[in-house]
Structure formats: C-alpha cells, structure tokens
C-alpha atoms as a PDB file:
ATOM      1  CA  UNK A   1     -80.605 132.671 -93.295  1.00  0.00           C
ATOM      2  CA  UNK A   2     -77.975 134.175 -91.028  1.00  0.00           C
ATOM      3  CA  UNK A   3     -79.581 134.531 -87.601  1.00  0.00           C
ATOM      4  CA  UNK A   4     -78.176 137.157 -85.304  1.00  0.00           C
ATOM      5  CA  UNK A   5     -80.276 136.030 -82.411  1.00  0.00           C
ATOM      6  CA  UNK A   6     -78.290 132.842 -82.490  1.00  0.00           C
ATOM      7  CA  UNK A   7     -76.004 134.445 -79.944  1.00  0.00           C
ATOM      8  CA  UNK A   8     -77.332 131.931 -77.623  1.00  0.00           C
ATOM      9  CA  UNK A   9     -80.252 130.950 -79.677  1.00  0.00           C
ATOM     10  CA  UNK A  10     -81.802 127.974 -78.014  1.00  0.00           C
ATOM     11  CA  UNK A  11     -84.654 126.333 -79.829  1.00  0.00           C
ATOM     12  CA  UNK A  12     -87.531 126.542 -77.419  1.00  0.00           C
ATOM     13  CA  UNK A  13     -88.049 123.362 -75.445  1.00  0.00           C
ATOM     14  CA  UNK A  14     -85.107 121.617 -77.078  1.00  0.00           C
ATOM     15  CA  UNK A  15     -82.269 123.604 -75.470  1.00  0.00           C
ATOM     16  CA  UNK A  16     -80.238 123.479 -78.663  1.00  0.00           C
ATOM     17  CA  UNK A  17     -77.946 125.872 -80.495  1.00  0.00           C
ATOM     18  CA  UNK A  18     -78.245 125.111 -84.219  1.00  0.00           C
ATOM     19  CA  UNK A  19     -75.436 126.648 -86.272  1.00  0.00           C
ATOM     20  CA  UNK A  20     -76.089 127.968 -89.774  1.00  0.00           C
ATOM     21  CA  UNK A  21     -73.328 127.883 -92.394  1.00  0.00           C
ATOM     22  CA  UNK A  22     -71.727 131.208 -93.218  1.00  0.00           C
ATOM     23  CA  UNK A  23     -73.046 133.264 -96.114  1.00  0.00           C
ATOM     24  CA  UNK A  24     -70.605 134.686 -98.681  1.00  0.00           C
ATOM     25  CA  UNK A  25     -71.184 136.627-101.894  1.00  0.00           C
ATOM     26  CA  UNK A  26     -68.026 135.701-103.852  1.00  0.00           C
ATOM     27  CA  UNK A  27     -68.941 132.013-103.697  1.00  0.00           C
ATOM     28  CA  UNK A  28     -68.149 131.442-107.388  1.00  0.00           C
ATOM     29  CA  UNK A  29     -64.439 131.988-106.663  1.00  0.00           C
ATOM     30  CA  UNK A  30     -64.217 129.527-103.770  1.00  0.00           C
ATOM     31  CA  UNK A  31     -66.464 126.564-104.505  1.00  0.00           C
ATOM     32  CA  UNK A  32     -64.079 124.294-102.603  1.00  0.00           C
ATOM     33  CA  UNK A  33     -65.213 125.869 -99.308  1.00  0.00           C
ATOM     34  CA  UNK A  34     -68.611 124.118 -99.590  1.00  0.00           C
ATOM     35  CA  UNK A  35     -67.793 121.222-101.942  1.00  0.00           C
ATOM     36  CA  UNK A  36     -64.698 119.070-101.254  1.00  0.00           C
ATOM     37  CA  UNK A  37     -64.783 117.535-104.743  1.00  0.00           C
ATOM     38  CA  UNK A  38     -63.316 120.808-106.109  1.00  0.00           C
ATOM     39  CA  UNK A  39     -60.040 120.292-104.198  1.00  0.00           C
ATOM     40  CA  UNK A  40     -57.215 120.596-106.724  1.00  0.00           C
ATOM     41  CA  UNK A  41     -59.528 120.553-109.742  1.00  0.00           C
ATOM     42  CA  UNK A  42     -57.931 123.653-111.328  1.00  0.00           C
ATOM     43  CA  UNK A  43     -54.566 121.924-111.592  1.00  0.00           C
ATOM     44  CA  UNK A  44     -52.821 124.569-109.452  1.00  0.00           C
ATOM     45  CA  UNK A  45     -52.374 125.202-105.763  1.00  0.00           C
ATOM     46  CA  UNK A  46     -54.502 127.935-104.192  1.00  0.00           C
ATOM     47  CA  UNK A  47     -54.259 129.899-100.961  1.00  0.00           C
ATOM     48  CA  UNK A  48     -57.501 131.840-100.432  1.00  0.00           C
ATOM     49  CA  UNK A  49     -58.500 134.269 -97.696  1.00  0.00           C
ATOM     50  CA  UNK A  50     -61.898 135.930 -97.334  1.00  0.00           C
ATOM     51  CA  UNK A  51     -63.163 138.458 -94.806  1.00  0.00           C
ATOM     52  CA  UNK A  52     -66.820 139.458 -94.557  1.00  0.00           C
ATOM     53  CA  UNK A  53     -68.370 142.183 -92.413  1.00  0.00           C
ATOM     54  CA  UNK A  54     -72.110 141.636 -92.578  1.00  0.00           C
ATOM     55  CA  UNK A  55     -74.815 144.220 -91.860  1.00  0.00           C
ATOM     56  CA  UNK A  56     -72.398 147.005 -90.949  1.00  0.00           C
ATOM     57  CA  UNK A  57     -73.868 149.281 -88.273  1.00  0.00           C
ATOM     58  CA  UNK A  58     -76.103 146.571 -86.823  1.00  0.00           C
ATOM     59  CA  UNK A  59     -75.159 145.797 -83.216  1.00  0.00           C
ATOM     60  CA  UNK A  60     -73.737 142.304 -82.910  1.00  0.00           C
ATOM     61  CA  UNK A  61     -73.536 141.831 -86.694  1.00  0.00           C
ATOM     62  CA  UNK A  62     -71.583 138.772 -87.915  1.00  0.00           C
ATOM     63  CA  UNK A  63     -67.955 138.936 -88.996  1.00  0.00           C
ATOM     64  CA  UNK A  64     -66.511 135.987 -90.875  1.00  0.00           C
ATOM     65  CA  UNK A  65     -63.067 134.854 -91.995  1.00  0.00           C
ATOM     66  CA  UNK A  66     -62.461 131.858 -94.256  1.00  0.00           C
ATOM     67  CA  UNK A  67     -59.035 130.423 -95.081  1.00  0.00           C
ATOM     68  CA  UNK A  68     -58.749 127.729 -97.747  1.00  0.00           C
ATOM     69  CA  UNK A  69     -55.883 125.835 -99.301  1.00  0.00           C
ATOM     70  CA  UNK A  70     -56.172 123.215-102.018  1.00  0.00           C
ATOM     71  CA  UNK A  71     -53.891 121.636-104.595  1.00  0.00           C
ATOM     72  CA  UNK A  72     -53.773 118.669-106.953  1.00  0.00           C
ATOM     73  CA  UNK A  73     -52.172 115.491-105.630  1.00  0.00           C
ATOM     74  CA  UNK A  74     -51.434 113.469-108.729  1.00  0.00           C
ATOM     75  CA  UNK A  75     -50.109 110.480-106.816  1.00  0.00           C
ATOM     76  CA  UNK A  76     -53.577 110.081-105.279  1.00  0.00           C
ATOM     77  CA  UNK A  77     -55.479 110.667-108.495  1.00  0.00           C
ATOM     78  CA  UNK A  78     -57.095 113.909-107.372  1.00  0.00           C
ATOM     79  CA  UNK A  79     -56.576 116.752-104.931  1.00  0.00           C
ATOM     80  CA  UNK A  80     -56.511 117.683-101.263  1.00  0.00           C
ATOM     81  CA  UNK A  81     -57.026 120.758 -99.146  1.00  0.00           C
ATOM     82  CA  UNK A  82     -58.021 122.359 -95.862  1.00  0.00           C
ATOM     83  CA  UNK A  83     -60.776 124.826 -95.040  1.00  0.00           C
ATOM     84  CA  UNK A  84     -60.931 126.914 -91.838  1.00  0.00           C
ATOM     85  CA  UNK A  85     -63.866 129.125 -90.801  1.00  0.00           C
ATOM     86  CA  UNK A  86     -64.026 131.683 -87.995  1.00  0.00           C
ATOM     87  CA  UNK A  87     -67.494 133.178 -87.556  1.00  0.00           C
ATOM     88  CA  UNK A  88     -68.328 135.678 -84.838  1.00  0.00           C
ATOM     89  CA  UNK A  89     -72.090 135.915 -84.403  1.00  0.00           C
ATOM     90  CA  UNK A  90     -73.389 138.469 -81.971  1.00  0.00           C
ATOM     91  CA  UNK A  91     -71.837 139.525 -78.691  1.00  0.00           C
ATOM     92  CA  UNK A  92     -69.835 136.733 -77.132  1.00  0.00           C
ATOM     93  CA  UNK A  93     -70.662 133.900 -79.549  1.00  0.00           C
ATOM     94  CA  UNK A  94     -68.007 132.448 -81.901  1.00  0.00           C
ATOM     95  CA  UNK A  95     -68.280 129.475 -84.248  1.00  0.00           C
ATOM     96  CA  UNK A  96     -65.209 127.761 -85.727  1.00  0.00           C
ATOM     97  CA  UNK A  97     -64.785 124.978 -88.238  1.00  0.00           C
ATOM     98  CA  UNK A  98     -61.718 123.170 -89.595  1.00  0.00           C
ATOM     99  CA  UNK A  99     -61.847 120.449 -92.266  1.00  0.00           C
ATOM    100  CA  UNK A 100     -59.377 118.449 -94.321  1.00  0.00           C
ATOM    101  CA  UNK A 101     -60.571 117.235 -97.732  1.00  0.00           C
ATOM    102  CA  UNK A 102     -59.662 114.712-100.388  1.00  0.00           C
ATOM    103  CA  UNK A 103     -61.114 114.584-103.908  1.00  0.00           C
ATOM    104  CA  UNK A 104     -60.834 111.879-106.536  1.00  0.00           C
ATOM    105  CA  UNK A 105     -60.899 113.161-110.120  1.00  0.00           C
ATOM    106  CA  UNK A 106     -61.792 111.098-113.151  1.00  0.00           C
ATOM    107  CA  UNK A 107     -62.944 111.275-116.766  1.00  0.00           C
ATOM    108  CA  UNK A 108     -66.434 110.968-118.234  1.00  0.00           C
ATOM    109  CA  UNK A 109     -65.979 110.230-121.909  1.00  0.00           C
ATOM    110  CA  UNK A 110     -63.685 112.378-124.043  1.00  0.00           C
ATOM    111  CA  UNK A 111     -64.311 115.908-122.876  1.00  0.00           C
ATOM    112  CA  UNK A 112     -65.990 115.670-119.471  1.00  0.00           C
ATOM    113  CA  UNK A 113     -64.532 115.081-116.029  1.00  0.00           C
ATOM    114  CA  UNK A 114     -65.874 114.563-112.524  1.00  0.00           C
ATOM    115  CA  UNK A 115     -64.824 114.821-108.916  1.00  0.00           C
ATOM    116  CA  UNK A 116     -65.877 112.988-105.743  1.00  0.00           C
ATOM    117  CA  UNK A 117     -64.910 114.583-102.461  1.00  0.00           C
ATOM    118  CA  UNK A 118     -64.913 113.874 -98.733  1.00  0.00           C
ATOM    119  CA  UNK A 119     -64.128 116.268 -95.904  1.00  0.00           C
ATOM    120  CA  UNK A 120     -63.651 115.473 -92.226  1.00  0.00           C
ATOM    121  CA  UNK A 121     -62.986 117.812 -89.356  1.00  0.00           C
ATOM    122  CA  UNK A 122     -64.373 119.500 -86.282  1.00  0.00           C
ATOM    123  CA  UNK A 123     -66.803 122.255 -85.356  1.00  0.00           C
ATOM    124  CA  UNK A 124     -66.687 124.246 -82.156  1.00  0.00           C
ATOM    125  CA  UNK A 125     -68.627 127.001 -80.417  1.00  0.00           C
ATOM    126  CA  UNK A 126     -67.422 129.365 -77.701  1.00  0.00           C
ATOM    127  CA  UNK A 127     -69.677 131.495 -75.539  1.00  0.00           C
ATOM    128  CA  UNK A 128     -68.170 134.411 -73.607  1.00  0.00           C
ATOM    129  CA  UNK A 129     -70.601 135.222 -70.818  1.00  0.00           C
ATOM    130  CA  UNK A 130     -68.821 138.428 -69.743  1.00  0.00           C
ATOM    131  CA  UNK A 131     -69.517 140.278 -72.997  1.00  0.00           C
ATOM    132  CA  UNK A 132     -72.872 138.748 -73.914  1.00  0.00           C
ATOM    133  CA  UNK A 133     -76.038 140.747 -73.399  1.00  0.00           C
ATOM    134  CA  UNK A 134     -79.531 139.308 -73.752  1.00  0.00           C
ATOM    135  CA  UNK A 135     -81.958 141.174 -76.031  1.00  0.00           C
ATOM    136  CA  UNK A 136     -84.136 142.007 -72.998  1.00  0.00           C
ATOM    137  CA  UNK A 137     -81.178 143.276 -70.974  1.00  0.00           C
ATOM    138  CA  UNK A 138     -81.111 140.223 -68.728  1.00  0.00           C
ATOM    139  CA  UNK A 139     -78.241 137.844 -68.147  1.00  0.00           C
ATOM    140  CA  UNK A 140     -79.948 134.501 -68.671  1.00  0.00           C
ATOM    141  CA  UNK A 141     -80.154 133.507 -65.030  1.00  0.00           C
ATOM    142  CA  UNK A 142     -83.847 132.616 -65.360  1.00  0.00           C
ATOM    143  CA  UNK A 143     -83.431 130.634 -68.575  1.00  0.00           C
ATOM    144  CA  UNK A 144     -82.254 127.040 -68.210  1.00  0.00           C
ATOM    145  CA  UNK A 145     -80.900 127.101 -71.767  1.00  0.00           C
ATOM    146  CA  UNK A 146     -78.618 130.151 -71.490  1.00  0.00           C
ATOM    147  CA  UNK A 147     -75.201 129.610 -69.910  1.00  0.00           C
ATOM    148  CA  UNK A 148     -74.357 131.789 -66.899  1.00  0.00           C
ATOM    149  CA  UNK A 149     -70.604 131.373 -67.384  1.00  0.00           C
ATOM    150  CA  UNK A 150     -68.169 130.861 -70.244  1.00  0.00           C
ATOM    151  CA  UNK A 151     -69.074 127.711 -72.158  1.00  0.00           C
ATOM    152  CA  UNK A 152     -67.904 125.772 -75.201  1.00  0.00           C
ATOM    153  CA  UNK A 153     -68.518 122.574 -77.142  1.00  0.00           C
ATOM    154  CA  UNK A 154     -66.906 120.612 -79.974  1.00  0.00           C
ATOM    155  CA  UNK A 155     -68.337 118.049 -82.391  1.00  0.00           C
ATOM    156  CA  UNK A 156     -67.017 116.063 -85.398  1.00  0.00           C
ATOM    157  CA  UNK A 157     -67.889 117.160 -88.919  1.00  0.00           C
ATOM    158  CA  UNK A 158     -68.240 115.310 -92.225  1.00  0.00           C
ATOM    159  CA  UNK A 159     -68.992 116.664 -95.704  1.00  0.00           C
ATOM    160  CA  UNK A 160     -69.526 115.105 -99.131  1.00  0.00           C
ATOM    161  CA  UNK A 161     -69.399 116.556-102.635  1.00  0.00           C
ATOM    162  CA  UNK A 162     -69.642 115.752-106.331  1.00  0.00           C
ATOM    163  CA  UNK A 163     -69.123 117.826-109.462  1.00  0.00           C
ATOM    164  CA  UNK A 164     -68.901 117.383-113.192  1.00  0.00           C
ATOM    165  CA  UNK A 165     -67.308 119.679-115.773  1.00  0.00           C
ATOM    166  CA  UNK A 166     -67.562 119.693-119.543  1.00  0.00           C
ATOM    167  CA  UNK A 167     -66.025 122.242-121.893  1.00  0.00           C
ATOM    168  CA  UNK A 168     -66.984 125.601-120.349  1.00  0.00           C
ATOM    169  CA  UNK A 169     -69.646 124.346-117.928  1.00  0.00           C
ATOM    170  CA  UNK A 170     -69.657 122.989-114.393  1.00  0.00           C
ATOM    171  CA  UNK A 171     -72.254 121.576-112.005  1.00  0.00           C
ATOM    172  CA  UNK A 172     -71.769 120.490-108.421  1.00  0.00           C
ATOM    173  CA  UNK A 173     -73.824 119.209-105.479  1.00  0.00           C
ATOM    174  CA  UNK A 174     -72.631 118.788-101.918  1.00  0.00           C
ATOM    175  CA  UNK A 175     -73.686 118.480 -98.308  1.00  0.00           C
ATOM    176  CA  UNK A 176     -71.995 119.856 -95.207  1.00  0.00           C
ATOM    177  CA  UNK A 177     -72.504 118.474 -91.674  1.00  0.00           C
ATOM    178  CA  UNK A 178     -73.840 115.210 -93.066  1.00  0.00           C
ATOM    179  CA  UNK A 179     -74.222 113.523 -89.686  1.00  0.00           C
ATOM    180  CA  UNK A 180     -76.253 114.960 -86.815  1.00  0.00           C
ATOM    181  CA  UNK A 181     -73.598 115.141 -84.108  1.00  0.00           C
ATOM    182  CA  UNK A 182     -74.472 116.877 -80.844  1.00  0.00           C
ATOM    183  CA  UNK A 183     -72.614 117.887 -77.680  1.00  0.00           C
ATOM    184  CA  UNK A 184     -73.396 119.556 -74.377  1.00  0.00           C
ATOM    185  CA  UNK A 185     -71.740 122.890 -73.658  1.00  0.00           C
ATOM    186  CA  UNK A 186     -69.408 122.599 -70.707  1.00  0.00           C
ATOM    187  CA  UNK A 187     -70.606 125.100 -68.145  1.00  0.00           C
ATOM    188  CA  UNK A 188     -73.708 125.626 -70.210  1.00  0.00           C
ATOM    189  CA  UNK A 189     -76.411 124.188 -67.946  1.00  0.00           C
ATOM    190  CA  UNK A 190     -78.825 122.399 -70.309  1.00  0.00           C
ATOM    191  CA  UNK A 191     -77.509 124.055 -73.477  1.00  0.00           C
ATOM    192  CA  UNK A 192     -76.473 121.726 -76.291  1.00  0.00           C
ATOM    193  CA  UNK A 193     -74.820 122.390 -79.657  1.00  0.00           C
ATOM    194  CA  UNK A 194     -75.460 120.781 -83.008  1.00  0.00           C
ATOM    195  CA  UNK A 195     -75.162 121.925 -86.610  1.00  0.00           C
ATOM    196  CA  UNK A 196     -77.805 122.025 -89.307  1.00  0.00           C
ATOM    197  CA  UNK A 197     -77.177 119.846 -92.343  1.00  0.00           C
ATOM    198  CA  UNK A 198     -76.842 122.001 -95.470  1.00  0.00           C
ATOM    199  CA  UNK A 199     -77.190 121.054 -99.137  1.00  0.00           C
ATOM    200  CA  UNK A 200     -75.516 123.080-101.894  1.00  0.00           C
ATOM    201  CA  UNK A 201     -75.939 123.338-105.643  1.00  0.00           C
ATOM    202  CA  UNK A 202     -73.433 125.250-107.774  1.00  0.00           C
ATOM    203  CA  UNK A 203     -73.491 125.705-111.531  1.00  0.00           C
ATOM    204  CA  UNK A 204     -71.810 128.027-113.993  1.00  0.00           C
ATOM    205  CA  UNK A 205     -70.581 128.643-117.504  1.00  0.00           C
ATOM    206  CA  UNK A 206     -68.062 130.725-119.435  1.00  0.00           C
ATOM    207  CA  UNK A 207     -68.750 132.419-122.781  1.00  0.00           C
ATOM    208  CA  UNK A 208     -66.465 134.546-124.924  1.00  0.00           C
ATOM    209  CA  UNK A 209     -68.252 137.675-126.156  1.00  0.00           C
ATOM    210  CA  UNK A 210     -65.306 138.930-128.224  1.00  0.00           C
ATOM    211  CA  UNK A 211     -61.519 139.046-128.004  1.00  0.00           C
ATOM    212  CA  UNK A 212     -61.584 141.191-124.868  1.00  0.00           C
ATOM    213  CA  UNK A 213     -64.733 140.306-122.933  1.00  0.00           C
ATOM    214  CA  UNK A 214     -65.883 137.073-121.262  1.00  0.00           C
ATOM    215  CA  UNK A 215     -69.200 136.559-119.462  1.00  0.00           C
ATOM    216  CA  UNK A 216     -69.453 134.082-116.573  1.00  0.00           C
ATOM    217  CA  UNK A 217     -72.977 133.422-115.230  1.00  0.00           C
ATOM    218  CA  UNK A 218     -73.356 131.236-112.128  1.00  0.00           C
ATOM    219  CA  UNK A 219     -75.924 129.930-109.651  1.00  0.00           C
ATOM    220  CA  UNK A 220     -75.374 129.114-105.992  1.00  0.00           C
ATOM    221  CA  UNK A 221     -78.082 127.476-103.860  1.00  0.00           C
ATOM    222  CA  UNK A 222     -77.932 126.763-100.124  1.00  0.00           C
ATOM    223  CA  UNK A 223     -80.592 124.876 -98.166  1.00  0.00           C
ATOM    224  CA  UNK A 224     -80.779 123.864 -94.515  1.00  0.00           C
ATOM    225  CA  UNK A 225     -83.664 121.435 -95.176  1.00  0.00           C
ATOM    226  CA  UNK A 226     -86.062 124.175 -94.053  1.00  0.00           C
ATOM    227  CA  UNK A 227     -85.555 126.954 -96.556  1.00  0.00           C
ATOM    228  CA  UNK A 228     -83.539 127.368 -99.755  1.00  0.00           C
ATOM    229  CA  UNK A 229     -81.666 130.525-100.654  1.00  0.00           C
ATOM    230  CA  UNK A 230     -80.456 131.260-104.195  1.00  0.00           C
ATOM    231  CA  UNK A 231     -77.676 133.464-105.514  1.00  0.00           C
ATOM    232  CA  UNK A 232     -77.885 134.437-109.196  1.00  0.00           C
ATOM    233  CA  UNK A 233     -74.665 135.981-110.455  1.00  0.00           C
ATOM    234  CA  UNK A 234     -73.097 137.272-113.653  1.00  0.00           C
ATOM    235  CA  UNK A 235     -69.480 138.415-113.979  1.00  0.00           C
ATOM    236  CA  UNK A 236     -67.920 140.225-116.919  1.00  0.00           C
ATOM    237  CA  UNK A 237     -64.185 139.734-117.386  1.00  0.00           C
ATOM    238  CA  UNK A 238     -62.134 142.194-119.408  1.00  0.00           C
ATOM    239  CA  UNK A 239     -58.878 140.995-120.912  1.00  0.00           C
ATOM    240  CA  UNK A 240     -58.681 138.272-118.223  1.00  0.00           C
ATOM    241  CA  UNK A 241     -57.694 141.013-115.778  1.00  0.00           C
ATOM    242  CA  UNK A 242     -60.648 143.112-114.624  1.00  0.00           C
ATOM    243  CA  UNK A 243     -63.774 141.479-113.146  1.00  0.00           C
ATOM    244  CA  UNK A 244     -67.118 143.294-112.862  1.00  0.00           C
ATOM    245  CA  UNK A 245     -70.277 141.582-111.675  1.00  0.00           C
ATOM    246  CA  UNK A 246     -73.583 141.642-109.899  1.00  0.00           C
ATOM    247  CA  UNK A 247     -75.566 139.150-107.803  1.00  0.00           C
ATOM    248  CA  UNK A 248     -79.052 138.785-106.419  1.00  0.00           C
ATOM    249  CA  UNK A 249     -79.644 136.718-103.284  1.00  0.00           C
ATOM    250  CA  UNK A 250     -83.255 135.786-102.615  1.00  0.00           C
ATOM    251  CA  UNK A 251     -84.821 137.324 -99.503  1.00  0.00           C
ATOM    252  CA  UNK A 252     -81.602 139.149 -98.685  1.00  0.00           C
ATOM    253  CA  UNK A 253     -79.523 141.379-100.957  1.00  0.00           C
ATOM    254  CA  UNK A 254     -78.348 142.710-104.287  1.00  0.00           C
ATOM    255  CA  UNK A 255     -74.561 142.815-104.616  1.00  0.00           C
ATOM    256  CA  UNK A 256     -71.939 144.431-106.816  1.00  0.00           C
ATOM    257  CA  UNK A 257     -68.575 142.728-107.341  1.00  0.00           C
ATOM    258  CA  UNK A 258     -65.220 144.061-108.464  1.00  0.00           C
ATOM    259  CA  UNK A 259     -62.025 142.080-108.951  1.00  0.00           C
ATOM    260  CA  UNK A 260     -58.571 142.466-110.415  1.00  0.00           C
ATOM    261  CA  UNK A 261     -55.804 140.072-111.429  1.00  0.00           C
ATOM    262  CA  UNK A 262     -52.798 141.833-109.878  1.00  0.00           C
ATOM    263  CA  UNK A 263     -50.306 139.372-111.280  1.00  0.00           C
ATOM    264  CA  UNK A 264     -50.592 136.086-113.079  1.00  0.00           C
ATOM    265  CA  UNK A 265     -50.984 134.318-109.740  1.00  0.00           C
ATOM    266  CA  UNK A 266     -52.665 136.912-107.466  1.00  0.00           C
ATOM    267  CA  UNK A 267     -56.345 137.838-107.576  1.00  0.00           C
ATOM    268  CA  UNK A 268     -58.225 140.244-105.326  1.00  0.00           C
ATOM    269  CA  UNK A 269     -61.980 140.751-105.164  1.00  0.00           C
ATOM    270  CA  UNK A 270     -64.434 142.991-103.362  1.00  0.00           C
ATOM    271  CA  UNK A 271     -68.203 142.674-102.960  1.00  0.00           C
ATOM    272  CA  UNK A 272     -70.725 145.071-101.482  1.00  0.00           C
ATOM    273  CA  UNK A 273     -74.189 143.780-100.526  1.00  0.00           C
ATOM    274  CA  UNK A 274     -77.163 146.130-100.573  1.00  0.00           C
ATOM    275  CA  UNK A 275     -79.709 144.616 -98.207  1.00  0.00           C
ATOM    276  CA  UNK A 276     -83.280 144.355 -99.505  1.00  0.00           C
ATOM    277  CA  UNK A 277     -84.794 142.542 -96.512  1.00  0.00           C
ATOM    278  CA  UNK A 278     -86.459 144.189 -93.513  1.00  0.00           C
ATOM    279  CA  UNK A 279     -82.982 144.803 -92.071  1.00  0.00           C
ATOM    280  CA  UNK A 280     -82.216 147.413 -94.742  1.00  0.00           C
ATOM    281  CA  UNK A 281     -83.114 150.327 -92.455  1.00  0.00           C
ATOM    282  CA  UNK A 282     -80.977 149.060 -89.561  1.00  0.00           C
ATOM    283  CA  UNK A 283     -77.572 148.794 -91.252  1.00  0.00           C
ATOM    284  CA  UNK A 284     -75.486 150.050 -94.186  1.00  0.00           C
ATOM    285  CA  UNK A 285     -74.825 146.860 -96.134  1.00  0.00           C
ATOM    286  CA  UNK A 286     -72.151 144.154 -96.093  1.00  0.00           C
ATOM    287  CA  UNK A 287     -68.528 144.267 -97.218  1.00  0.00           C
ATOM    288  CA  UNK A 288     -66.475 141.320 -98.413  1.00  0.00           C
ATOM    289  CA  UNK A 289     -62.797 141.137 -99.385  1.00  0.00           C
ATOM    290  CA  UNK A 290     -61.246 138.131-101.130  1.00  0.00           C
ATOM    291  CA  UNK A 291     -57.579 137.390-101.930  1.00  0.00           C
ATOM    292  CA  UNK A 292     -56.178 134.348-103.722  1.00  0.00           C
ATOM    293  CA  UNK A 293     -52.604 133.311-104.428  1.00  0.00           C
ATOM    294  CA  UNK A 294     -52.089 130.498-106.963  1.00  0.00           C
ATOM    295  CA  UNK A 295     -48.959 128.523-107.796  1.00  0.00           C
ATOM    296  CA  UNK A 296     -48.021 125.814-110.258  1.00  0.00           C
ATOM    297  CA  UNK A 297     -47.809 122.221-109.098  1.00  0.00           C
ATOM    298  CA  UNK A 298     -45.485 120.169-111.282  1.00  0.00           C
ATOM    299  CA  UNK A 299     -46.071 116.507-111.929  1.00  0.00           C
ATOM    300  CA  UNK A 300     -43.229 114.509-110.371  1.00  0.00           C
ATOM    301  CA  UNK A 301     -41.345 112.338-112.825  1.00  0.00           C
ATOM    302  CA  UNK A 302     -39.225 109.320-112.133  1.00  0.00           C
ATOM    303  CA  UNK A 303     -35.547 109.624-112.865  1.00  0.00           C
ATOM    304  CA  UNK A 304     -33.396 106.826-114.213  1.00  0.00           C
ATOM    305  CA  UNK A 305     -33.023 104.540-111.192  1.00  0.00           C
ATOM    306  CA  UNK A 306     -31.253 101.785-113.064  1.00  0.00           C
ATOM    307  CA  UNK A 307     -27.861 100.738-111.714  1.00  0.00           C
ATOM    308  CA  UNK A 308     -25.341  99.039-113.946  1.00  0.00           C
ATOM    309  CA  UNK A 309     -23.015  96.524-112.398  1.00  0.00           C
ATOM    310  CA  UNK A 310     -20.845  94.040-114.231  1.00  0.00           C
ATOM    311  CA  UNK A 311     -21.932  91.366-111.773  1.00  0.00           C
ATOM    312  CA  UNK A 312     -25.610  91.736-112.768  1.00  0.00           C
ATOM    313  CA  UNK A 313     -26.010  91.851-116.541  1.00  0.00           C
END
C-alpha cells in the first residue's frame, strides 16, 4: 500500500498527488496514532516515538517518524493528545501531518467502557525539485503535472474514532482524513494535493497462560476504500518484561518483534519486516524502533476552600 512512485505521483489525467497513510508494524502499541478515541484511555500519560526505515537498500525507500503524546484529562471526562508524522517518500518528497485529539470516555454497563474521539489538524507536502529524479531520468519539463521548481501545499485534516473495551478485550474503528480537502501546490503547475480517506479496524485480547507468560493476539486492518490490508499479530510477554512476537501483513511482509520493559515506565521495541512481495529481491527488509515513556497522572482533588469569619456564621 506504500507507493514509492508517489514521489510526484500524479494520477493520470487528474493531476493529483494522493497521499497514503504510513505503514507501521508495532501498531498494537500505538493505537492512538490512528484512532483518537484511545487518547488517555490507559489512565497514564504517554510519550511515544517511532522510527521506521522501510525497504532498506531500495533507492528512494520511505523513512518515517511518528511522535505521539496522550494523557487522561479527568476534568473533561476523557483524554487528549497530539500526533505528529514525518514521512519521507522517495527523492525530494516529504509528507507531514500534525493533529490534536480529544476523546470522551464512558461506561457501558458494569465492566465495559467506550471512547469517542475527534482529531483535527493539518497535512502538508513538500517537493524539492533539486534532488528529485524522474524514473526515466527526465526532469518533468514535458509533464504538466510534475513541478519544475520547489513546491508545497497544505490542507486541513479531520479524523474520527470509536472503541470499546471489556475485561481483557478491545475493539476499535476509526477513519483518518474524513473530508476530501484539496489544494494546489504553489509553484507546482497543475499539480494538486489531496489525501486518501482511510478506515481502520483494531482488535485484541490478553490471556494469561501461566504465572509467567501472557499471550496477546491482535488484528489491525487498514483500507483506503480501494484495497484492505490486514496485520495478524501475536505477542508473548514474559514476566511483564520481555516481549516476543510475530506478525503477518497481507501482500507485504512477515515480521518479528522484540520488546523490553527497561523500567516501570520505559518500554522499547524493535520490529524487522521480511518482505514477501515482489520487492523482496530489491531490498533487505524494514527496520522499526519504538520507545515509550509513561508517567502517572493524578486526579486533582479540591482542598478545603471554606473560610470562617465571625461576621458570616
């Protein structure tokens, strides 16, 4: 689903650049990045940073960084957070996204809860003409869609999400880029930028095998209304410290995952994707590093604000 040729990938006849959402393997550890209803749902604050080098050895392969922060906001009955994406796709093409989110959390009966989330923000693209090279060695001068100088564009962004949890299970659905905003690239001749609406489904569970081992299966689905891609994952957790797992992504890769809880509030994770698509002979796989720092968020309490005065009994 990640398209390298999107460097300046104009849909023929439409003169459009349609941006795909980034693909990550350790999605089960950062559901908030695609579903705003998960903001603050864990009851702690989280700083998360992810770096992904995709298709290492392939010229112009994507490199992605994602920064997320979320925390509960009890005064608002839910949580809030921010999500920032920097995605370099091919030579000279960079996509960025920044969103702020709010989630309302409530109860469903005795032992189930739900979240409703909204995110708003911006998306931008930057095209650096000096370092871009066309696949045919040309410079785009004969193509009305390809900019012949540096160009950029910015559009608004809106996302929606919902999730429900019960006991050791969770299920969530969300959509990014809900509205079809579009903008012309400044300096980009007839080139225009929009973003494809994506729909996500996440689901998972947690089972205790014995005193030391826990198994956590999960599913992650992403669709751009044209094609759906599924991640099937299972993680084994030893003594709530060591994480070992594997994933299969349809049409793309098999992955191995390794994680460790350094301290009570610091987690690191690594994933290596083994490509199974036709690109397997052109590169040496994908690497992904994830770091999260968590901290407690105390519930503010009111002190005694009463004031005694003999004049007001």
